[in-house]
Amino acid sequence: MKQKVLQYDAVFEKEVDGGYSVWIPDLPGCASQGDSLEEAMKNIKEAMELYLEDADNDKVDEGKVHKDRFIVPVQVSTP
């Protein structure tokens, strides 16, 4: 049985109190967290699997791979 491999960008944010929050911008509402980066990665993969399992195939572009997308932190000074 062939399986599709889907790739999505995940945004990880280190929390002040420890641990990480993580979400998938292309899958609205698909988010998780973990006490370590490894745990957050494991948890978001599980959340993605559940999200995609429940998603209407018309709403999820299963072949979408954003090779031209990247995330860069940008800092600005405010008064």
PDB file of N, CA and C in Angstrom:
ATOM      1  N   MET A   1       0.840  -1.181   0.000  1.00  0.00           N
ATOM      2  CA  MET A   1       0.000   0.000   0.000  1.00  0.00           C
ATOM      3  C   MET A   1       0.887   1.247   0.000  1.00  0.00           C
ATOM      4  N   LYS A   2       0.656   2.131  -0.960  1.00  0.00           N
ATOM      5  CA  LYS A   2       1.433   3.365  -1.031  1.00  0.00           C
ATOM      6  C   LYS A   2       0.910   4.384  -0.036  1.00  0.00           C
ATOM      7  N   GLN A   3       1.836   5.119   0.554  1.00  0.00           N
ATOM      8  CA  GLN A   3       1.460   6.204   1.456  1.00  0.00           C
ATOM      9  C   GLN A   3       1.992   7.510   0.892  1.00  0.00           C
ATOM     10  N   LYS A   4       1.204   8.573   1.047  1.00  0.00           N
ATOM     11  CA  LYS A   4       1.671   9.895   0.664  1.00  0.00           C
ATOM     12  C   LYS A   4       2.465  10.467   1.823  1.00  0.00           C
ATOM     13  N   VAL A   5       3.519  11.188   1.495  1.00  0.00           N
ATOM     14  CA  VAL A   5       4.281  11.907   2.509  1.00  0.00           C
ATOM     15  C   VAL A   5       3.961  13.378   2.321  1.00  0.00           C
ATOM     16  N   LEU A   6       3.374  13.975   3.340  1.00  0.00           N
ATOM     17  CA  LEU A   6       2.995  15.383   3.295  1.00  0.00           C
ATOM     18  C   LEU A   6       4.004  16.204   4.077  1.00  0.00           C
ATOM     19  N   GLN A   7       4.246  17.403   3.610  1.00  0.00           N
ATOM     20  CA  GLN A   7       5.197  18.281   4.293  1.00  0.00           C
ATOM     21  C   GLN A   7       4.542  19.634   4.534  1.00  0.00           C
ATOM     22  N   TYR A   8       4.596  20.093   5.770  1.00  0.00           N
ATOM     23  CA  TYR A   8       4.063  21.384   6.159  1.00  0.00           C
ATOM     24  C   TYR A   8       5.097  22.093   7.029  1.00  0.00           C
ATOM     25  N   ASP A   9       5.066  23.415   7.013  1.00  0.00           N
ATOM     26  CA  ASP A   9       5.940  24.194   7.887  1.00  0.00           C
ATOM     27  C   ASP A   9       5.354  24.210   9.291  1.00  0.00           C
ATOM     28  N   ALA A  10       6.194  24.033  10.291  1.00  0.00           N
ATOM     29  CA  ALA A  10       5.784  24.111  11.693  1.00  0.00           C
ATOM     30  C   ALA A  10       6.513  25.287  12.330  1.00  0.00           C
ATOM     31  N   VAL A  11       5.794  26.068  13.114  1.00  0.00           N
ATOM     32  CA  VAL A  11       6.373  27.209  13.819  1.00  0.00           C
ATOM     33  C   VAL A  11       6.474  26.838  15.297  1.00  0.00           C
ATOM     34  N   PHE A  12       7.703  26.839  15.810  1.00  0.00           N
ATOM     35  CA  PHE A  12       7.949  26.534  17.217  1.00  0.00           C
ATOM     36  C   PHE A  12       8.265  27.827  17.954  1.00  0.00           C
ATOM     37  N   GLU A  13       7.694  27.972  19.140  1.00  0.00           N
ATOM     38  CA  GLU A  13       7.942  29.153  19.966  1.00  0.00           C
ATOM     39  C   GLU A  13       8.283  28.704  21.385  1.00  0.00           C
ATOM     40  N   LYS A  14       9.453  29.121  21.842  1.00  0.00           N
ATOM     41  CA  LYS A  14       9.868  28.771  23.197  1.00  0.00           C
ATOM     42  C   LYS A  14       9.052  29.601  24.189  1.00  0.00           C
ATOM     43  N   GLU A  15       8.490  28.942  25.174  1.00  0.00           N
ATOM     44  CA  GLU A  15       7.651  29.607  26.171  1.00  0.00           C
ATOM     45  C   GLU A  15       8.495  30.124  27.331  1.00  0.00           C
ATOM     46  N   VAL A  16       8.083  31.229  27.919  1.00  0.00           N
ATOM     47  CA  VAL A  16       8.801  31.851  29.029  1.00  0.00           C
ATOM     48  C   VAL A  16       8.891  30.899  30.217  1.00  0.00           C
ATOM     49  N   ASP A  17       7.818  30.171  30.481  1.00  0.00           N
ATOM     50  CA  ASP A  17       7.769  29.244  31.619  1.00  0.00           C
ATOM     51  C   ASP A  17       8.394  27.885  31.310  1.00  0.00           C
ATOM     52  N   GLY A  18       8.939  27.738  30.111  1.00  0.00           N
ATOM     53  CA  GLY A  18       9.539  26.472  29.700  1.00  0.00           C
ATOM     54  C   GLY A  18       8.682  25.753  28.674  1.00  0.00           C
ATOM     55  N   GLY A  19       9.290  24.909  27.913  1.00  0.00           N
ATOM     56  CA  GLY A  19       8.574  24.158  26.893  1.00  0.00           C
ATOM     57  C   GLY A  19       8.410  24.952  25.616  1.00  0.00           C
ATOM     58  N   TYR A  20       7.675  24.375  24.695  1.00  0.00           N
ATOM     59  CA  TYR A  20       7.489  24.956  23.364  1.00  0.00           C
ATOM     60  C   TYR A  20       6.035  24.851  22.943  1.00  0.00           C
ATOM     61  N   SER A  21       5.548  25.890  22.298  1.00  0.00           N
ATOM     62  CA  SER A  21       4.277  25.855  21.584  1.00  0.00           C
ATOM     63  C   SER A  21       4.622  25.650  20.122  1.00  0.00           C
ATOM     64  N   VAL A  22       3.741  24.989  19.389  1.00  0.00           N
ATOM     65  CA  VAL A  22       3.994  24.735  17.971  1.00  0.00           C
ATOM     66  C   VAL A  22       2.664  24.719  17.226  1.00  0.00           C
ATOM     67  N   TRP A  23       2.661  25.279  16.015  1.00  0.00           N
ATOM     68  CA  TRP A  23       1.467  25.273  15.193  1.00  0.00           C
ATOM     69  C   TRP A  23       1.838  25.183  13.721  1.00  0.00           C
ATOM     70  N   ILE A  24       0.861  24.789  12.922  1.00  0.00           N
ATOM     71  CA  ILE A  24       1.036  24.614  11.485  1.00  0.00           C
ATOM     72  C   ILE A  24       0.201  25.694  10.790  1.00  0.00           C
ATOM     73  N   PRO A  25       0.833  26.732  10.233  1.00  0.00           N
ATOM     74  CA  PRO A  25       0.072  27.827   9.606  1.00  0.00           C
ATOM     75  C   PRO A  25      -0.892  27.368   8.505  1.00  0.00           C
ATOM     76  N   ASP A  26      -0.536  26.354   7.740  1.00  0.00           N
ATOM     77  CA  ASP A  26      -1.396  25.891   6.648  1.00  0.00           C
ATOM     78  C   ASP A  26      -2.550  25.013   7.103  1.00  0.00           C
ATOM     79  N   LEU A  27      -2.578  24.651   8.381  1.00  0.00           N
ATOM     80  CA  LEU A  27      -3.655  23.830   8.924  1.00  0.00           C
ATOM     81  C   LEU A  27      -4.286  24.593  10.093  1.00  0.00           C
ATOM     82  N   PRO A  28      -5.209  25.507   9.810  1.00  0.00           N
ATOM     83  CA  PRO A  28      -5.785  26.357  10.857  1.00  0.00           C
ATOM     84  C   PRO A  28      -6.313  25.551  12.044  1.00  0.00           C
ATOM     85  N   GLY A  29      -5.865  25.933  13.230  1.00  0.00           N
ATOM     86  CA  GLY A  29      -6.292  25.260  14.447  1.00  0.00           C
ATOM     87  C   GLY A  29      -5.437  24.070  14.826  1.00  0.00           C
ATOM     88  N   CYS A  30      -4.475  23.709  13.990  1.00  0.00           N
ATOM     89  CA  CYS A  30      -3.603  22.576  14.292  1.00  0.00           C
ATOM     90  C   CYS A  30      -2.409  23.081  15.102  1.00  0.00           C
ATOM     91  N   ALA A  31      -2.440  22.819  16.393  1.00  0.00           N
ATOM     92  CA  ALA A  31      -1.414  23.318  17.305  1.00  0.00           C
ATOM     93  C   ALA A  31      -1.189  22.312  18.413  1.00  0.00           C
ATOM     94  N   SER A  32      -0.046  22.431  19.067  1.00  0.00           N
ATOM     95  CA  SER A  32       0.266  21.565  20.194  1.00  0.00           C
ATOM     96  C   SER A  32       1.354  22.231  21.025  1.00  0.00           C
ATOM     97  N   GLN A  33       1.920  21.467  21.944  1.00  0.00           N
ATOM     98  CA  GLN A  33       2.996  21.970  22.801  1.00  0.00           C
ATOM     99  C   GLN A  33       3.758  20.784  23.356  1.00  0.00           C
ATOM    100  N   GLY A  34       4.860  21.078  24.021  1.00  0.00           N
ATOM    101  CA  GLY A  34       5.634  20.028  24.666  1.00  0.00           C
ATOM    102  C   GLY A  34       6.632  20.633  25.624  1.00  0.00           C
ATOM    103  N   ASP A  35       7.036  19.853  26.608  1.00  0.00           N
ATOM    104  CA  ASP A  35       8.006  20.327  27.590  1.00  0.00           C
ATOM    105  C   ASP A  35       9.406  20.446  27.005  1.00  0.00           C
ATOM    106  N   SER A  36       9.678  19.713  25.925  1.00  0.00           N
ATOM    107  CA  SER A  36      10.966  19.784  25.230  1.00  0.00           C
ATOM    108  C   SER A  36      10.680  19.922  23.737  1.00  0.00           C
ATOM    109  N   LEU A  37      11.703  20.288  22.982  1.00  0.00           N
ATOM    110  CA  LEU A  37      11.553  20.395  21.544  1.00  0.00           C
ATOM    111  C   LEU A  37      11.149  19.046  20.945  1.00  0.00           C
ATOM    112  N   GLU A  38      11.753  17.974  21.428  1.00  0.00           N
ATOM    113  CA  GLU A  38      11.436  16.636  20.934  1.00  0.00           C
ATOM    114  C   GLU A  38       9.985  16.263  21.216  1.00  0.00           C
ATOM    115  N   GLU A  39       9.513  16.573  22.418  1.00  0.00           N
ATOM    116  CA  GLU A  39       8.131  16.268  22.775  1.00  0.00           C
ATOM    117  C   GLU A  39       7.165  17.105  21.940  1.00  0.00           C
ATOM    118  N   ALA A  40       7.489  18.386  21.742  1.00  0.00           N
ATOM    119  CA  ALA A  40       6.639  19.249  20.919  1.00  0.00           C
ATOM    120  C   ALA A  40       6.571  18.725  19.485  1.00  0.00           C
ATOM    121  N   MET A  41       7.693  18.249  18.951  1.00  0.00           N
ATOM    122  CA  MET A  41       7.720  17.689  17.599  1.00  0.00           C
ATOM    123  C   MET A  41       6.844  16.438  17.515  1.00  0.00           C
ATOM    124  N   LYS A  42       6.967  15.562  18.490  1.00  0.00           N
ATOM    125  CA  LYS A  42       6.151  14.341  18.529  1.00  0.00           C
ATOM    126  C   LYS A  42       4.667  14.698  18.615  1.00  0.00           C
ATOM    127  N   ASN A  43       4.343  15.664  19.466  1.00  0.00           N
ATOM    128  CA  ASN A  43       2.949  16.041  19.673  1.00  0.00           C
ATOM    129  C   ASN A  43       2.340  16.715  18.446  1.00  0.00           C
ATOM    130  N   ILE A  44       3.113  17.567  17.738  1.00  0.00           N
ATOM    131  CA  ILE A  44       2.543  18.231  16.564  1.00  0.00           C
ATOM    132  C   ILE A  44       2.360  17.234  15.430  1.00  0.00           C
ATOM    133  N   LYS A  45       3.235  16.242  15.326  1.00  0.00           N
ATOM    134  CA  LYS A  45       3.040  15.209  14.296  1.00  0.00           C
ATOM    135  C   LYS A  45       1.733  14.461  14.551  1.00  0.00           C
ATOM    136  N   GLU A  46       1.484  14.127  15.800  1.00  0.00           N
ATOM    137  CA  GLU A  46       0.237  13.448  16.149  1.00  0.00           C
ATOM    138  C   GLU A  46      -0.966  14.348  15.866  1.00  0.00           C
ATOM    139  N   ALA A  47      -0.854  15.627  16.218  1.00  0.00           N
ATOM    140  CA  ALA A  47      -1.944  16.570  15.962  1.00  0.00           C
ATOM    141  C   ALA A  47      -2.207  16.709  14.459  1.00  0.00           C
ATOM    142  N   MET A  48      -1.142  16.733  13.655  1.00  0.00           N
ATOM    143  CA  MET A  48      -1.292  16.828  12.198  1.00  0.00           C
ATOM    144  C   MET A  48      -1.994  15.586  11.647  1.00  0.00           C
ATOM    145  N   GLU A  49      -1.591  14.409  12.119  1.00  0.00           N
ATOM    146  CA  GLU A  49      -2.222  13.170  11.656  1.00  0.00           C
ATOM    147  C   GLU A  49      -3.716  13.183  11.945  1.00  0.00           C
ATOM    148  N   LEU A  50      -4.088  13.598  13.153  1.00  0.00           N
ATOM    149  CA  LEU A  50      -5.501  13.661  13.521  1.00  0.00           C
ATOM    150  C   LEU A  50      -6.234  14.722  12.703  1.00  0.00           C
ATOM    151  N   TYR A  51      -5.609  15.872  12.520  1.00  0.00           N
ATOM    152  CA  TYR A  51      -6.200  16.956  11.740  1.00  0.00           C
ATOM    153  C   TYR A  51      -6.482  16.478  10.314  1.00  0.00           C
ATOM    154  N   LEU A  52      -5.471  15.880   9.676  1.00  0.00           N
ATOM    155  CA  LEU A  52      -5.609  15.451   8.290  1.00  0.00           C
ATOM    156  C   LEU A  52      -6.582  14.285   8.149  1.00  0.00           C
ATOM    157  N   GLU A  53      -6.646  13.438   9.169  1.00  0.00           N
ATOM    158  CA  GLU A  53      -7.585  12.320   9.163  1.00  0.00           C
ATOM    159  C   GLU A  53      -9.024  12.833   9.165  1.00  0.00           C
ATOM    160  N   ASP A  54      -9.266  13.898   9.919  1.00  0.00           N
ATOM    161  CA  ASP A  54     -10.612  14.458  10.048  1.00  0.00           C
ATOM    162  C   ASP A  54     -10.929  15.507   8.988  1.00  0.00           C
ATOM    163  N   ALA A  55      -9.912  15.988   8.258  1.00  0.00           N
ATOM    164  CA  ALA A  55     -10.109  17.091   7.316  1.00  0.00           C
ATOM    165  C   ALA A  55     -10.871  16.641   6.082  1.00  0.00           C
ATOM    166  N   ASP A  56     -11.641  17.561   5.575  1.00  0.00           N
ATOM    167  CA  ASP A  56     -12.313  17.360   4.289  1.00  0.00           C
ATOM    168  C   ASP A  56     -11.242  17.474   3.207  1.00  0.00           C
ATOM    169  N   ASN A  57     -11.092  16.463   2.376  1.00  0.00           N
ATOM    170  CA  ASN A  57     -10.038  16.454   1.364  1.00  0.00           C
ATOM    171  C   ASN A  57     -10.091  17.663   0.441  1.00  0.00           C
ATOM    172  N   ASP A  58     -11.260  18.277   0.264  1.00  0.00           N
ATOM    173  CA  ASP A  58     -11.350  19.473  -0.569  1.00  0.00           C
ATOM    174  C   ASP A  58     -10.685  20.670   0.097  1.00  0.00           C
ATOM    175  N   LYS A  59     -10.551  20.638   1.422  1.00  0.00           N
ATOM    176  CA  LYS A  59      -9.983  21.777   2.149  1.00  0.00           C
ATOM    177  C   LYS A  59      -8.485  21.637   2.371  1.00  0.00           C
ATOM    178  N   VAL A  60      -7.953  20.446   2.189  1.00  0.00           N
ATOM    179  CA  VAL A  60      -6.530  20.207   2.422  1.00  0.00           C
ATOM    180  C   VAL A  60      -5.864  19.868   1.103  1.00  0.00           C
ATOM    181  N   ASP A  61      -4.893  20.670   0.710  1.00  0.00           N
ATOM    182  CA  ASP A  61      -4.154  20.405  -0.521  1.00  0.00           C
ATOM    183  C   ASP A  61      -3.066  19.401  -0.190  1.00  0.00           C
ATOM    184  N   GLU A  62      -3.330  18.120  -0.406  1.00  0.00           N
ATOM    185  CA  GLU A  62      -2.436  17.058   0.033  1.00  0.00           C
ATOM    186  C   GLU A  62      -1.087  17.028  -0.666  1.00  0.00           C
ATOM    187  N   GLY A  63      -0.965  17.661  -1.808  1.00  0.00           N
ATOM    188  CA  GLY A  63       0.306  17.655  -2.510  1.00  0.00           C
ATOM    189  C   GLY A  63       1.123  18.901  -2.257  1.00  0.00           C
ATOM    190  N   LYS A  64       0.695  19.747  -1.353  1.00  0.00           N
ATOM    191  CA  LYS A  64       1.307  21.058  -1.158  1.00  0.00           C
ATOM    192  C   LYS A  64       2.635  20.950  -0.415  1.00  0.00           C
ATOM    193  N   VAL A  65       3.687  21.415  -1.026  1.00  0.00           N
ATOM    194  CA  VAL A  65       4.999  21.514  -0.400  1.00  0.00           C
ATOM    195  C   VAL A  65       5.531  22.900  -0.725  1.00  0.00           C
ATOM    196  N   HIS A  66       5.768  23.686   0.288  1.00  0.00           N
ATOM    197  CA  HIS A  66       6.199  25.073   0.091  1.00  0.00           C
ATOM    198  C   HIS A  66       7.712  25.155   0.077  1.00  0.00           C
ATOM    199  N   LYS A  67       8.318  24.887  -1.045  1.00  0.00           N
ATOM    200  CA  LYS A  67       9.770  24.925  -1.128  1.00  0.00           C
ATOM    201  C   LYS A  67      10.304  26.343  -1.173  1.00  0.00           C
ATOM    202  N   ASP A  68       9.451  27.301  -1.501  1.00  0.00           N
ATOM    203  CA  ASP A  68       9.913  28.686  -1.576  1.00  0.00           C
ATOM    204  C   ASP A  68       9.532  29.497  -0.340  1.00  0.00           C
ATOM    205  N   ARG A  69       9.078  28.845   0.722  1.00  0.00           N
ATOM    206  CA  ARG A  69       8.684  29.535   1.946  1.00  0.00           C
ATOM    207  C   ARG A  69       9.768  29.366   2.989  1.00  0.00           C
ATOM    208  N   PHE A  70      10.020  30.434   3.732  1.00  0.00           N
ATOM    209  CA  PHE A  70      10.943  30.352   4.839  1.00  0.00           C
ATOM    210  C   PHE A  70      10.531  31.355   5.902  1.00  0.00           C
ATOM    211  N   ILE A  71      10.971  31.129   7.121  1.00  0.00           N
ATOM    212  CA  ILE A  71      10.624  31.987   8.247  1.00  0.00           C
ATOM    213  C   ILE A  71      11.918  32.618   8.756  1.00  0.00           C
ATOM    214  N   VAL A  72      11.865  33.942   8.897  1.00  0.00           N
ATOM    215  CA  VAL A  72      13.035  34.690   9.358  1.00  0.00           C
ATOM    216  C   VAL A  72      12.572  35.575  10.517  1.00  0.00           C
ATOM    217  N   PRO A  73      13.245  35.504  11.678  1.00  0.00           N
ATOM    218  CA  PRO A  73      12.892  36.419  12.759  1.00  0.00           C
ATOM    219  C   PRO A  73      13.330  37.837  12.407  1.00  0.00           C
ATOM    220  N   VAL A  74      12.449  38.789  12.629  1.00  0.00           N
ATOM    221  CA  VAL A  74      12.743  40.184  12.340  1.00  0.00           C
ATOM    222  C   VAL A  74      12.510  40.979  13.613  1.00  0.00           C
ATOM    223  N   GLN A  75      13.517  41.782  14.002  1.00  0.00           N
ATOM    224  CA  GLN A  75      13.398  42.584  15.217  1.00  0.00           C
ATOM    225  C   GLN A  75      13.244  44.055  14.865  1.00  0.00           C
ATOM    226  N   VAL A  76      12.448  44.760  15.638  1.00  0.00           N
ATOM    227  CA  VAL A  76      12.302  46.191  15.500  1.00  0.00           C
ATOM    228  C   VAL A  76      12.367  46.804  16.891  1.00  0.00           C
ATOM    229  N   SER A  77      12.825  48.045  16.974  1.00  0.00           N
ATOM    230  CA  SER A  77      12.854  48.772  18.232  1.00  0.00           C
ATOM    231  C   SER A  77      11.589  49.627  18.339  1.00  0.00           C
ATOM    232  N   THR A  78      11.043  49.659  19.529  1.00  0.00           N
ATOM    233  CA  THR A  78       9.863  50.501  19.761  1.00  0.00           C
ATOM    234  C   THR A  78      10.169  51.450  20.907  1.00  0.00           C
ATOM    235  N   PRO A  79       9.559  52.604  20.883  1.00  0.00           N
ATOM    236  CA  PRO A  79       9.815  53.578  21.964  1.00  0.00           C
ATOM    237  C   PRO A  79       9.310  53.114  23.308  1.00  0.00           C
TER     238      PRO A  79
END
